[in-house]
């Protein structure tokens, strides 16, 4: 059976009834024979409430101490949900981000995931346990708790799915789906039922989205993948093959590696790696690489997180 990563947002676990509802969704997946890893956000407005509490004590608290405080919100969610699943008679274990092996840099309040050591999660899955992981958080090389910034639980889920080579990553949210472009600004934008990294799915992105979104590499990826002299159909080995070719000075591979790192497609977003590969391609005279590098250096990098259209509320 499949390994499935599921993520539930704060509104999905906002109260006891919703926690029980999420527990039912999780256990229904588990009963089908799947291995299940679940990432949870803090309940409701917990994060905002914690920020307000900190302001009452010290309006200028250090980012390190804020991370120590804010990380507790997700821990409440995973422990309560684990209790609900236990009450239903299933084996479950809750893990903080650092227990789950999420290693980050030291940018408190907006850390980036550097690597994920999956041994602990895999050990628990081998025991046929449901694994609940606190989103939004990790640990740096000094042993300090770090948080990933707003939307960090989505990042946690996608990163864990990639590190575990999951068959499916399901992100439950209150919006109705992912569109080919922003439906508020692009007429005719279509909702997608499923997203993969196959060529046909990348082709769902149209030219109007390229014009509307500075942060999207979708149009560029479509063109390069169509013309690339190497296969890019398997999401599990595409990044490895691309890196091998990039290290052999293939300028198209270097360019694409830069875009993948920049926009978090197949790879965990990493602006330094994106800058490195785009610079290598630009040095070889690829104009598109220089253009992308200029944008990277001049604009704020936006994290792109895939959201599915299922609601857990």
C-alpha atoms as a PDB file:
ATOM      1  CA  UNK A   1       0.000   0.000   0.000  1.00  0.00           C
ATOM      2  CA  UNK A   2       0.961   3.665  -0.229  1.00  0.00           C
ATOM      3  CA  UNK A   3       2.809   6.033   2.061  1.00  0.00           C
ATOM      4  CA  UNK A   4       0.602   9.102   2.413  1.00  0.00           C
ATOM      5  CA  UNK A   5       1.468  12.436   4.012  1.00  0.00           C
ATOM      6  CA  UNK A   6      -1.540  14.466   5.134  1.00  0.00           C
ATOM      7  CA  UNK A   7      -1.564  18.036   6.420  1.00  0.00           C
ATOM      8  CA  UNK A   8      -4.352  19.778   8.330  1.00  0.00           C
ATOM      9  CA  UNK A   9      -4.448  23.507   9.014  1.00  0.00           C
ATOM     10  CA  UNK A  10      -5.368  25.408  12.129  1.00  0.00           C
ATOM     11  CA  UNK A  11      -9.085  25.718  11.354  1.00  0.00           C
ATOM     12  CA  UNK A  12      -9.285  21.942  10.880  1.00  0.00           C
ATOM     13  CA  UNK A  13      -8.169  21.318  14.484  1.00  0.00           C
ATOM     14  CA  UNK A  14      -9.639  24.462  16.070  1.00  0.00           C
ATOM     15  CA  UNK A  15     -11.757  22.647  18.681  1.00  0.00           C
ATOM     16  CA  UNK A  16     -12.411  19.193  20.116  1.00  0.00           C
ATOM     17  CA  UNK A  17     -15.012  18.216  17.526  1.00  0.00           C
ATOM     18  CA  UNK A  18     -12.755  19.194  14.648  1.00  0.00           C
ATOM     19  CA  UNK A  19      -9.816  17.336  16.176  1.00  0.00           C
ATOM     20  CA  UNK A  20     -11.996  14.217  16.340  1.00  0.00           C
ATOM     21  CA  UNK A  21     -13.058  14.769  12.724  1.00  0.00           C
ATOM     22  CA  UNK A  22      -9.419  14.978  11.630  1.00  0.00           C
ATOM     23  CA  UNK A  23      -8.694  11.817  13.633  1.00  0.00           C
ATOM     24  CA  UNK A  24     -11.467  10.051  11.702  1.00  0.00           C
ATOM     25  CA  UNK A  25     -10.030  11.138   8.340  1.00  0.00           C
ATOM     26  CA  UNK A  26      -6.575   9.940   9.377  1.00  0.00           C
ATOM     27  CA  UNK A  27      -7.749   6.572  10.646  1.00  0.00           C
ATOM     28  CA  UNK A  28      -9.919   6.008   7.569  1.00  0.00           C
ATOM     29  CA  UNK A  29      -6.775   6.349   5.465  1.00  0.00           C
ATOM     30  CA  UNK A  30      -4.870   4.059   7.827  1.00  0.00           C
ATOM     31  CA  UNK A  31      -7.618   1.389   7.739  1.00  0.00           C
ATOM     32  CA  UNK A  32      -7.165   1.113   3.981  1.00  0.00           C
ATOM     33  CA  UNK A  33      -3.713  -0.296   4.642  1.00  0.00           C
ATOM     34  CA  UNK A  34      -1.704   2.844   3.998  1.00  0.00           C
ATOM     35  CA  UNK A  35       1.208   4.152   6.062  1.00  0.00           C
ATOM     36  CA  UNK A  36       0.225   7.600   7.283  1.00  0.00           C
ATOM     37  CA  UNK A  37       2.304  10.604   8.336  1.00  0.00           C
ATOM     38  CA  UNK A  38       0.316  13.667   9.371  1.00  0.00           C
ATOM     39  CA  UNK A  39       1.482  17.275   9.764  1.00  0.00           C
ATOM     40  CA  UNK A  40      -0.632  19.587  11.902  1.00  0.00           C
ATOM     41  CA  UNK A  41      -0.750  23.333  12.374  1.00  0.00           C
ATOM     42  CA  UNK A  42      -1.514  25.124  15.624  1.00  0.00           C
ATOM     43  CA  UNK A  43      -5.184  25.277  16.577  1.00  0.00           C
ATOM     44  CA  UNK A  44      -7.204  28.209  15.260  1.00  0.00           C
ATOM     45  CA  UNK A  45      -5.693  31.532  16.303  1.00  0.00           C
ATOM     46  CA  UNK A  46      -3.170  29.985  18.695  1.00  0.00           C
ATOM     47  CA  UNK A  47      -0.124  31.456  16.955  1.00  0.00           C
ATOM     48  CA  UNK A  48      -1.600  34.958  16.958  1.00  0.00           C
ATOM     49  CA  UNK A  49      -2.600  34.555  20.619  1.00  0.00           C
ATOM     50  CA  UNK A  50       0.949  33.522  21.524  1.00  0.00           C
ATOM     51  CA  UNK A  51       2.364  36.526  19.688  1.00  0.00           C
ATOM     52  CA  UNK A  52       0.000  38.763  21.663  1.00  0.00           C
ATOM     53  CA  UNK A  53       1.065  37.148  24.942  1.00  0.00           C
ATOM     54  CA  UNK A  54       4.713  37.733  24.100  1.00  0.00           C
ATOM     55  CA  UNK A  55       3.981  41.403  23.369  1.00  0.00           C
ATOM     56  CA  UNK A  56       2.466  41.773  26.842  1.00  0.00           C
ATOM     57  CA  UNK A  57       5.720  40.596  28.416  1.00  0.00           C
ATOM     58  CA  UNK A  58       8.316  41.976  26.020  1.00  0.00           C
ATOM     59  CA  UNK A  59       7.375  43.757  22.778  1.00  0.00           C
ATOM     60  CA  UNK A  60      10.976  43.389  21.638  1.00  0.00           C
ATOM     61  CA  UNK A  61      11.565  39.724  22.448  1.00  0.00           C
ATOM     62  CA  UNK A  62      14.377  38.013  20.553  1.00  0.00           C
ATOM     63  CA  UNK A  63      13.492  35.880  17.570  1.00  0.00           C
ATOM     64  CA  UNK A  64      15.026  32.855  19.283  1.00  0.00           C
ATOM     65  CA  UNK A  65      12.684  33.139  22.259  1.00  0.00           C
ATOM     66  CA  UNK A  66       9.724  33.795  19.967  1.00  0.00           C
ATOM     67  CA  UNK A  67      10.487  30.523  18.178  1.00  0.00           C
ATOM     68  CA  UNK A  68      10.596  28.710  21.516  1.00  0.00           C
ATOM     69  CA  UNK A  69       7.150  30.092  22.296  1.00  0.00           C
ATOM     70  CA  UNK A  70       5.447  29.760  18.909  1.00  0.00           C
ATOM     71  CA  UNK A  71       6.547  26.151  18.382  1.00  0.00           C
ATOM     72  CA  UNK A  72       4.347  25.104  21.306  1.00  0.00           C
ATOM     73  CA  UNK A  73       1.175  25.702  19.286  1.00  0.00           C
ATOM     74  CA  UNK A  74       1.782  22.804  16.918  1.00  0.00           C
ATOM     75  CA  UNK A  75       2.818  20.571  19.824  1.00  0.00           C
ATOM     76  CA  UNK A  76      -0.599  21.104  21.400  1.00  0.00           C
ATOM     77  CA  UNK A  77      -2.284  20.067  18.149  1.00  0.00           C
ATOM     78  CA  UNK A  78      -0.324  16.858  17.627  1.00  0.00           C
ATOM     79  CA  UNK A  79      -0.705  15.708  21.233  1.00  0.00           C
ATOM     80  CA  UNK A  80      -4.467  16.323  21.289  1.00  0.00           C
ATOM     81  CA  UNK A  81      -4.957  14.610  17.933  1.00  0.00           C
ATOM     82  CA  UNK A  82      -2.824  11.671  19.092  1.00  0.00           C
ATOM     83  CA  UNK A  83      -5.075  11.360  22.144  1.00  0.00           C
ATOM     84  CA  UNK A  84      -8.147  11.316  19.900  1.00  0.00           C
ATOM     85  CA  UNK A  85      -6.637   8.576  17.734  1.00  0.00           C
ATOM     86  CA  UNK A  86      -5.631   6.589  20.821  1.00  0.00           C
ATOM     87  CA  UNK A  87      -9.225   6.795  22.050  1.00  0.00           C
ATOM     88  CA  UNK A  88     -10.306   5.199  18.759  1.00  0.00           C
ATOM     89  CA  UNK A  89      -8.026   2.231  19.430  1.00  0.00           C
ATOM     90  CA  UNK A  90      -5.181   2.927  16.995  1.00  0.00           C
ATOM     91  CA  UNK A  91      -1.429   3.030  17.562  1.00  0.00           C
ATOM     92  CA  UNK A  92      -0.100   6.553  17.134  1.00  0.00           C
ATOM     93  CA  UNK A  93       2.909   8.643  18.095  1.00  0.00           C
ATOM     94  CA  UNK A  94       3.310  12.424  18.038  1.00  0.00           C
ATOM     95  CA  UNK A  95       6.688  13.964  17.190  1.00  0.00           C
ATOM     96  CA  UNK A  96       7.948  17.514  17.354  1.00  0.00           C
ATOM     97  CA  UNK A  97       9.756  18.851  14.311  1.00  0.00           C
ATOM     98  CA  UNK A  98      13.155  18.111  15.803  1.00  0.00           C
ATOM     99  CA  UNK A  99      12.118  14.613  16.932  1.00  0.00           C
ATOM    100  CA  UNK A 100      11.054  14.027  13.338  1.00  0.00           C
ATOM    101  CA  UNK A 101      14.544  14.994  12.142  1.00  0.00           C
ATOM    102  CA  UNK A 102      13.756  18.361  10.558  1.00  0.00           C
ATOM    103  CA  UNK A 103      17.092  20.213  10.415  1.00  0.00           C
ATOM    104  CA  UNK A 104      17.088  23.885   9.487  1.00  0.00           C
ATOM    105  CA  UNK A 105      19.405  26.848   9.231  1.00  0.00           C
ATOM    106  CA  UNK A 106      19.534  29.396  12.065  1.00  0.00           C
ATOM    107  CA  UNK A 107      17.257  32.097  10.638  1.00  0.00           C
ATOM    108  CA  UNK A 108      14.911  32.295  13.631  1.00  0.00           C
ATOM    109  CA  UNK A 109      11.366  33.135  12.648  1.00  0.00           C
ATOM    110  CA  UNK A 110      11.912  32.212   9.003  1.00  0.00           C
ATOM    111  CA  UNK A 111      14.227  29.218   8.919  1.00  0.00           C
ATOM    112  CA  UNK A 112      14.764  27.084   5.841  1.00  0.00           C
ATOM    113  CA  UNK A 113      14.858  23.313   5.942  1.00  0.00           C
ATOM    114  CA  UNK A 114      18.328  22.014   5.079  1.00  0.00           C
ATOM    115  CA  UNK A 115      17.684  18.275   5.392  1.00  0.00           C
ATOM    116  CA  UNK A 116      15.339  15.805   7.030  1.00  0.00           C
ATOM    117  CA  UNK A 117      16.643  12.719   8.824  1.00  0.00           C
ATOM    118  CA  UNK A 118      13.748  10.302   8.450  1.00  0.00           C
ATOM    119  CA  UNK A 119      15.020   7.402  10.595  1.00  0.00           C
ATOM    120  CA  UNK A 120      12.745   8.078  13.584  1.00  0.00           C
ATOM    121  CA  UNK A 121       9.646   8.443  11.436  1.00  0.00           C
ATOM    122  CA  UNK A 122      10.485   5.303   9.475  1.00  0.00           C
ATOM    123  CA  UNK A 123      11.014   3.331  12.692  1.00  0.00           C
ATOM    124  CA  UNK A 124       7.555   4.306  13.909  1.00  0.00           C
ATOM    125  CA  UNK A 125       5.975   3.507  10.539  1.00  0.00           C
ATOM    126  CA  UNK A 126       7.627   0.085  10.596  1.00  0.00           C
ATOM    127  CA  UNK A 127       5.774  -0.515  13.885  1.00  0.00           C
ATOM    128  CA  UNK A 128       2.545   0.243  11.992  1.00  0.00           C
ATOM    129  CA  UNK A 129       1.969   3.429  13.939  1.00  0.00           C
ATOM    130  CA  UNK A 130       0.298   6.556  12.656  1.00  0.00           C
ATOM    131  CA  UNK A 131       2.896   9.334  12.909  1.00  0.00           C
ATOM    132  CA  UNK A 132       1.845  12.900  13.761  1.00  0.00           C
ATOM    133  CA  UNK A 133       4.454  15.609  13.182  1.00  0.00           C
ATOM    134  CA  UNK A 134       4.337  19.194  14.417  1.00  0.00           C
ATOM    135  CA  UNK A 135       4.547  21.454  11.392  1.00  0.00           C
ATOM    136  CA  UNK A 136       6.210  24.857  11.141  1.00  0.00           C
ATOM    137  CA  UNK A 137       9.289  23.892  13.160  1.00  0.00           C
ATOM    138  CA  UNK A 138      12.678  22.229  13.247  1.00  0.00           C
ATOM    139  CA  UNK A 139      16.048  22.412  14.953  1.00  0.00           C
ATOM    140  CA  UNK A 140      19.293  24.143  13.985  1.00  0.00           C
ATOM    141  CA  UNK A 141      22.905  23.063  14.393  1.00  0.00           C
ATOM    142  CA  UNK A 142      23.035  24.630  17.855  1.00  0.00           C
ATOM    143  CA  UNK A 143      20.143  22.501  19.086  1.00  0.00           C
ATOM    144  CA  UNK A 144      17.765  25.483  19.142  1.00  0.00           C
ATOM    145  CA  UNK A 145      14.120  25.312  18.117  1.00  0.00           C
ATOM    146  CA  UNK A 146      13.393  27.184  14.887  1.00  0.00           C
ATOM    147  CA  UNK A 147      10.196  28.061  13.064  1.00  0.00           C
ATOM    148  CA  UNK A 148       9.662  28.269   9.313  1.00  0.00           C
ATOM    149  CA  UNK A 149       7.514  31.390   9.106  1.00  0.00           C
ATOM    150  CA  UNK A 150       3.918  31.788   7.959  1.00  0.00           C
ATOM    151  CA  UNK A 151       2.744  28.823   5.916  1.00  0.00           C
ATOM    152  CA  UNK A 152       5.509  26.755   7.482  1.00  0.00           C
ATOM    153  CA  UNK A 153       3.310  23.734   8.154  1.00  0.00           C
ATOM    154  CA  UNK A 154       2.586  23.406   4.443  1.00  0.00           C
ATOM    155  CA  UNK A 155       6.320  23.561   3.823  1.00  0.00           C
ATOM    156  CA  UNK A 156       6.864  20.884   6.475  1.00  0.00           C
ATOM    157  CA  UNK A 157       4.351  18.568   4.816  1.00  0.00           C
ATOM    158  CA  UNK A 158       5.764  18.927   1.304  1.00  0.00           C
ATOM    159  CA  UNK A 159       9.347  18.554   2.552  1.00  0.00           C
ATOM    160  CA  UNK A 160       8.491  15.436   4.571  1.00  0.00           C
ATOM    161  CA  UNK A 161       6.678  13.926   1.596  1.00  0.00           C
ATOM    162  CA  UNK A 162       9.767  14.478  -0.541  1.00  0.00           C
ATOM    163  CA  UNK A 163      12.188  13.138   2.079  1.00  0.00           C
ATOM    164  CA  UNK A 164      10.067  10.039   2.737  1.00  0.00           C
ATOM    165  CA  UNK A 165       9.434   9.451  -1.002  1.00  0.00           C
ATOM    166  CA  UNK A 166       5.731   9.472  -0.229  1.00  0.00           C
ATOM    167  CA  UNK A 167       3.252   8.307  -2.846  1.00  0.00           C
ATOM    168  CA  UNK A 168       0.892  11.159  -2.094  1.00  0.00           C
ATOM    169  CA  UNK A 169       0.849  14.452  -0.191  1.00  0.00           C
ATOM    170  CA  UNK A 170      -2.629  15.663   0.735  1.00  0.00           C
ATOM    171  CA  UNK A 171      -2.964  19.182   2.090  1.00  0.00           C
ATOM    172  CA  UNK A 172      -6.424  19.825   3.503  1.00  0.00           C
ATOM    173  CA  UNK A 173      -7.463  23.461   3.373  1.00  0.00           C
ATOM    174  CA  UNK A 174     -10.507  25.697   3.269  1.00  0.00           C
ATOM    175  CA  UNK A 175      -9.965  26.929  -0.298  1.00  0.00           C
ATOM    176  CA  UNK A 176     -11.647  25.024  -3.098  1.00  0.00           C
ATOM    177  CA  UNK A 177      -8.587  23.980  -5.075  1.00  0.00           C
ATOM    178  CA  UNK A 178      -5.495  24.808  -7.145  1.00  0.00           C
ATOM    179  CA  UNK A 179      -6.022  26.737 -10.358  1.00  0.00           C
ATOM    180  CA  UNK A 180      -3.952  27.128 -13.524  1.00  0.00           C
ATOM    181  CA  UNK A 181      -3.676  30.827 -12.615  1.00  0.00           C
ATOM    182  CA  UNK A 182      -5.052  33.242 -10.037  1.00  0.00           C
ATOM    183  CA  UNK A 183      -8.823  33.186 -10.775  1.00  0.00           C
ATOM    184  CA  UNK A 184      -9.162  36.673  -9.293  1.00  0.00           C
ATOM    185  CA  UNK A 185      -6.963  38.180 -11.987  1.00  0.00           C
ATOM    186  CA  UNK A 186      -6.906  35.730 -14.903  1.00  0.00           C
ATOM    187  CA  UNK A 187     -10.129  35.092 -16.790  1.00  0.00           C
ATOM    188  CA  UNK A 188     -10.653  31.430 -17.685  1.00  0.00           C
ATOM    189  CA  UNK A 189      -8.397  30.005 -14.961  1.00  0.00           C
ATOM    190  CA  UNK A 190      -9.283  26.350 -14.412  1.00  0.00           C
ATOM    191  CA  UNK A 191      -9.292  24.308 -11.219  1.00  0.00           C
ATOM    192  CA  UNK A 192      -7.019  21.245 -11.350  1.00  0.00           C
ATOM    193  CA  UNK A 193      -8.209  17.953  -9.929  1.00  0.00           C
ATOM    194  CA  UNK A 194      -4.670  16.633  -9.461  1.00  0.00           C
ATOM    195  CA  UNK A 195      -1.106  17.934  -9.702  1.00  0.00           C
ATOM    196  CA  UNK A 196       1.946  15.859 -10.589  1.00  0.00           C
ATOM    197  CA  UNK A 197       5.354  16.683 -12.026  1.00  0.00           C
ATOM    198  CA  UNK A 198       4.568  15.038 -15.357  1.00  0.00           C
ATOM    199  CA  UNK A 199       4.925  17.157 -18.473  1.00  0.00           C
ATOM    200  CA  UNK A 200       1.174  17.290 -19.087  1.00  0.00           C
ATOM    201  CA  UNK A 201       0.539  18.691 -15.640  1.00  0.00           C
ATOM    202  CA  UNK A 202       3.213  21.339 -15.983  1.00  0.00           C
ATOM    203  CA  UNK A 203       1.551  22.247 -19.268  1.00  0.00           C
ATOM    204  CA  UNK A 204      -1.571  23.235 -17.301  1.00  0.00           C
ATOM    205  CA  UNK A 205       0.193  26.519 -16.528  1.00  0.00           C
ATOM    206  CA  UNK A 206      -0.602  28.994 -19.294  1.00  0.00           C
ATOM    207  CA  UNK A 207       1.064  32.111 -20.599  1.00  0.00           C
ATOM    208  CA  UNK A 208      -1.240  34.431 -18.682  1.00  0.00           C
ATOM    209  CA  UNK A 209       0.055  33.030 -15.392  1.00  0.00           C
ATOM    210  CA  UNK A 210       3.624  33.708 -16.483  1.00  0.00           C
ATOM    211  CA  UNK A 211       2.684  37.348 -17.001  1.00  0.00           C
ATOM    212  CA  UNK A 212       0.728  37.595 -13.749  1.00  0.00           C
ATOM    213  CA  UNK A 213       3.164  35.877 -11.345  1.00  0.00           C
ATOM    214  CA  UNK A 214       6.778  36.967 -10.930  1.00  0.00           C
ATOM    215  CA  UNK A 215       7.458  34.026  -8.587  1.00  0.00           C
ATOM    216  CA  UNK A 216       6.289  31.223 -10.884  1.00  0.00           C
ATOM    217  CA  UNK A 217       8.720  29.197 -12.973  1.00  0.00           C
ATOM    218  CA  UNK A 218       5.892  27.153 -14.448  1.00  0.00           C
ATOM    219  CA  UNK A 219       5.977  28.653 -17.928  1.00  0.00           C
ATOM    220  CA  UNK A 220       9.747  28.498 -18.131  1.00  0.00           C
ATOM    221  CA  UNK A 221       9.755  24.903 -16.924  1.00  0.00           C
ATOM    222  CA  UNK A 222       7.195  23.919 -19.533  1.00  0.00           C
ATOM    223  CA  UNK A 223       9.335  25.260 -22.348  1.00  0.00           C
ATOM    224  CA  UNK A 224      12.640  23.831 -21.109  1.00  0.00           C
ATOM    225  CA  UNK A 225      11.269  20.395 -20.226  1.00  0.00           C
ATOM    226  CA  UNK A 226       9.644  20.136 -23.647  1.00  0.00           C
ATOM    227  CA  UNK A 227      12.975  20.813 -25.380  1.00  0.00           C
ATOM    228  CA  UNK A 228      15.358  19.231 -22.858  1.00  0.00           C
ATOM    229  CA  UNK A 229      17.596  16.409 -24.156  1.00  0.00           C
ATOM    230  CA  UNK A 230      17.093  14.412 -20.955  1.00  0.00           C
ATOM    231  CA  UNK A 231      14.038  12.769 -19.324  1.00  0.00           C
ATOM    232  CA  UNK A 232      12.211  14.620 -16.543  1.00  0.00           C
ATOM    233  CA  UNK A 233       9.132  12.454 -16.062  1.00  0.00           C
ATOM    234  CA  UNK A 234       9.962  10.755 -12.753  1.00  0.00           C
ATOM    235  CA  UNK A 235       9.739  13.136  -9.800  1.00  0.00           C
ATOM    236  CA  UNK A 236      11.821  10.818  -7.603  1.00  0.00           C
ATOM    237  CA  UNK A 237      14.960  10.861  -9.731  1.00  0.00           C
ATOM    238  CA  UNK A 238      14.592  14.015 -11.839  1.00  0.00           C
ATOM    239  CA  UNK A 239      16.455  16.247  -9.400  1.00  0.00           C
ATOM    240  CA  UNK A 240      19.322  13.771  -9.063  1.00  0.00           C
ATOM    241  CA  UNK A 241      19.671  13.420 -12.831  1.00  0.00           C
ATOM    242  CA  UNK A 242      19.498  17.173 -13.307  1.00  0.00           C
ATOM    243  CA  UNK A 243      22.193  17.794 -10.710  1.00  0.00           C
ATOM    244  CA  UNK A 244      24.469  15.239 -12.385  1.00  0.00           C
ATOM    245  CA  UNK A 245      24.066  16.982 -15.723  1.00  0.00           C
ATOM    246  CA  UNK A 246      24.458  20.417 -14.149  1.00  0.00           C
ATOM    247  CA  UNK A 247      27.744  19.379 -12.562  1.00  0.00           C
ATOM    248  CA  UNK A 248      28.882  18.367 -16.059  1.00  0.00           C
ATOM    249  CA  UNK A 249      28.314  21.993 -17.142  1.00  0.00           C
ATOM    250  CA  UNK A 250      25.078  21.375 -19.064  1.00  0.00           C
ATOM    251  CA  UNK A 251      23.780  24.949 -19.090  1.00  0.00           C
ATOM    252  CA  UNK A 252      20.114  23.965 -19.511  1.00  0.00           C
ATOM    253  CA  UNK A 253      20.380  21.641 -16.519  1.00  0.00           C
ATOM    254  CA  UNK A 254      22.084  24.388 -14.514  1.00  0.00           C
ATOM    255  CA  UNK A 255      19.315  26.817 -15.435  1.00  0.00           C
ATOM    256  CA  UNK A 256      16.578  24.360 -14.516  1.00  0.00           C
ATOM    257  CA  UNK A 257      18.274  23.484 -11.223  1.00  0.00           C
ATOM    258  CA  UNK A 258      18.246  27.179 -10.394  1.00  0.00           C
ATOM    259  CA  UNK A 259      14.520  27.440 -11.128  1.00  0.00           C
ATOM    260  CA  UNK A 260      13.713  24.318  -9.125  1.00  0.00           C
ATOM    261  CA  UNK A 261      15.579  25.605  -6.096  1.00  0.00           C
ATOM    262  CA  UNK A 262      14.104  29.071  -6.524  1.00  0.00           C
ATOM    263  CA  UNK A 263      10.478  27.970  -6.603  1.00  0.00           C
ATOM    264  CA  UNK A 264      10.626  24.822  -4.483  1.00  0.00           C
ATOM    265  CA  UNK A 265       9.638  22.393  -7.254  1.00  0.00           C
ATOM    266  CA  UNK A 266      10.979  18.872  -6.552  1.00  0.00           C
ATOM    267  CA  UNK A 267      13.529  20.487  -4.220  1.00  0.00           C
ATOM    268  CA  UNK A 268      13.264  22.353  -0.922  1.00  0.00           C
ATOM    269  CA  UNK A 269      13.421  26.105  -1.692  1.00  0.00           C
ATOM    270  CA  UNK A 270      16.992  27.366  -1.292  1.00  0.00           C
ATOM    271  CA  UNK A 271      17.896  30.829  -2.573  1.00  0.00           C
ATOM    272  CA  UNK A 272      21.644  30.260  -2.267  1.00  0.00           C
ATOM    273  CA  UNK A 273      21.555  27.096  -4.374  1.00  0.00           C
ATOM    274  CA  UNK A 274      19.259  28.818  -6.860  1.00  0.00           C
ATOM    275  CA  UNK A 275      21.704  31.715  -7.113  1.00  0.00           C
ATOM    276  CA  UNK A 276      24.647  29.344  -7.613  1.00  0.00           C
ATOM    277  CA  UNK A 277      23.126  27.366 -10.482  1.00  0.00           C
ATOM    278  CA  UNK A 278      21.628  30.394 -12.228  1.00  0.00           C
ATOM    279  CA  UNK A 279      25.014  32.112 -12.019  1.00  0.00           C
ATOM    280  CA  UNK A 280      26.705  29.094 -13.607  1.00  0.00           C
ATOM    281  CA  UNK A 281      24.235  29.082 -16.496  1.00  0.00           C
ATOM    282  CA  UNK A 282      24.472  32.858 -16.900  1.00  0.00           C
ATOM    283  CA  UNK A 283      28.277  32.629 -17.096  1.00  0.00           C
ATOM    284  CA  UNK A 284      27.831  30.285 -20.055  1.00  0.00           C
ATOM    285  CA  UNK A 285      25.837  32.971 -21.825  1.00  0.00           C
ATOM    286  CA  UNK A 286      22.224  31.813 -21.318  1.00  0.00           C
ATOM    287  CA  UNK A 287      20.142  35.044 -21.348  1.00  0.00           C
ATOM    288  CA  UNK A 288      17.179  33.423 -19.562  1.00  0.00           C
ATOM    289  CA  UNK A 289      19.463  32.477 -16.698  1.00  0.00           C
ATOM    290  CA  UNK A 290      20.734  36.035 -16.328  1.00  0.00           C
ATOM    291  CA  UNK A 291      17.157  37.327 -16.361  1.00  0.00           C
ATOM    292  CA  UNK A 292      16.081  34.809 -13.708  1.00  0.00           C
ATOM    293  CA  UNK A 293      19.158  35.636 -11.634  1.00  0.00           C
ATOM    294  CA  UNK A 294      18.376  39.353 -11.801  1.00  0.00           C
ATOM    295  CA  UNK A 295      14.839  38.681 -10.580  1.00  0.00           C
ATOM    296  CA  UNK A 296      16.129  36.452  -7.810  1.00  0.00           C
ATOM    297  CA  UNK A 297      18.505  39.121  -6.567  1.00  0.00           C
ATOM    298  CA  UNK A 298      16.012  42.000  -6.797  1.00  0.00           C
ATOM    299  CA  UNK A 299      12.713  40.492  -5.658  1.00  0.00           C
ATOM    300  CA  UNK A 300      11.525  38.838  -2.475  1.00  0.00           C
ATOM    301  CA  UNK A 301      11.497  35.058  -2.962  1.00  0.00           C
ATOM    302  CA  UNK A 302       7.997  33.689  -2.501  1.00  0.00           C
ATOM    303  CA  UNK A 303       7.592  30.136  -1.233  1.00  0.00           C
ATOM    304  CA  UNK A 304       5.279  28.127  -3.486  1.00  0.00           C
ATOM    305  CA  UNK A 305       3.210  25.486  -1.642  1.00  0.00           C
ATOM    306  CA  UNK A 306       0.814  23.117  -3.333  1.00  0.00           C
ATOM    307  CA  UNK A 307      -2.621  23.071  -1.744  1.00  0.00           C
ATOM    308  CA  UNK A 308      -5.265  20.513  -2.595  1.00  0.00           C
ATOM    309  CA  UNK A 309      -8.896  21.467  -2.603  1.00  0.00           C
ATOM    310  CA  UNK A 310     -10.200  19.183   0.155  1.00  0.00           C
ATOM    311  CA  UNK A 311     -11.693  20.743   3.285  1.00  0.00           C
ATOM    312  CA  UNK A 312     -11.393  19.134   6.689  1.00  0.00           C
ATOM    313  CA  UNK A 313     -13.734  21.555   8.409  1.00  0.00           C
END
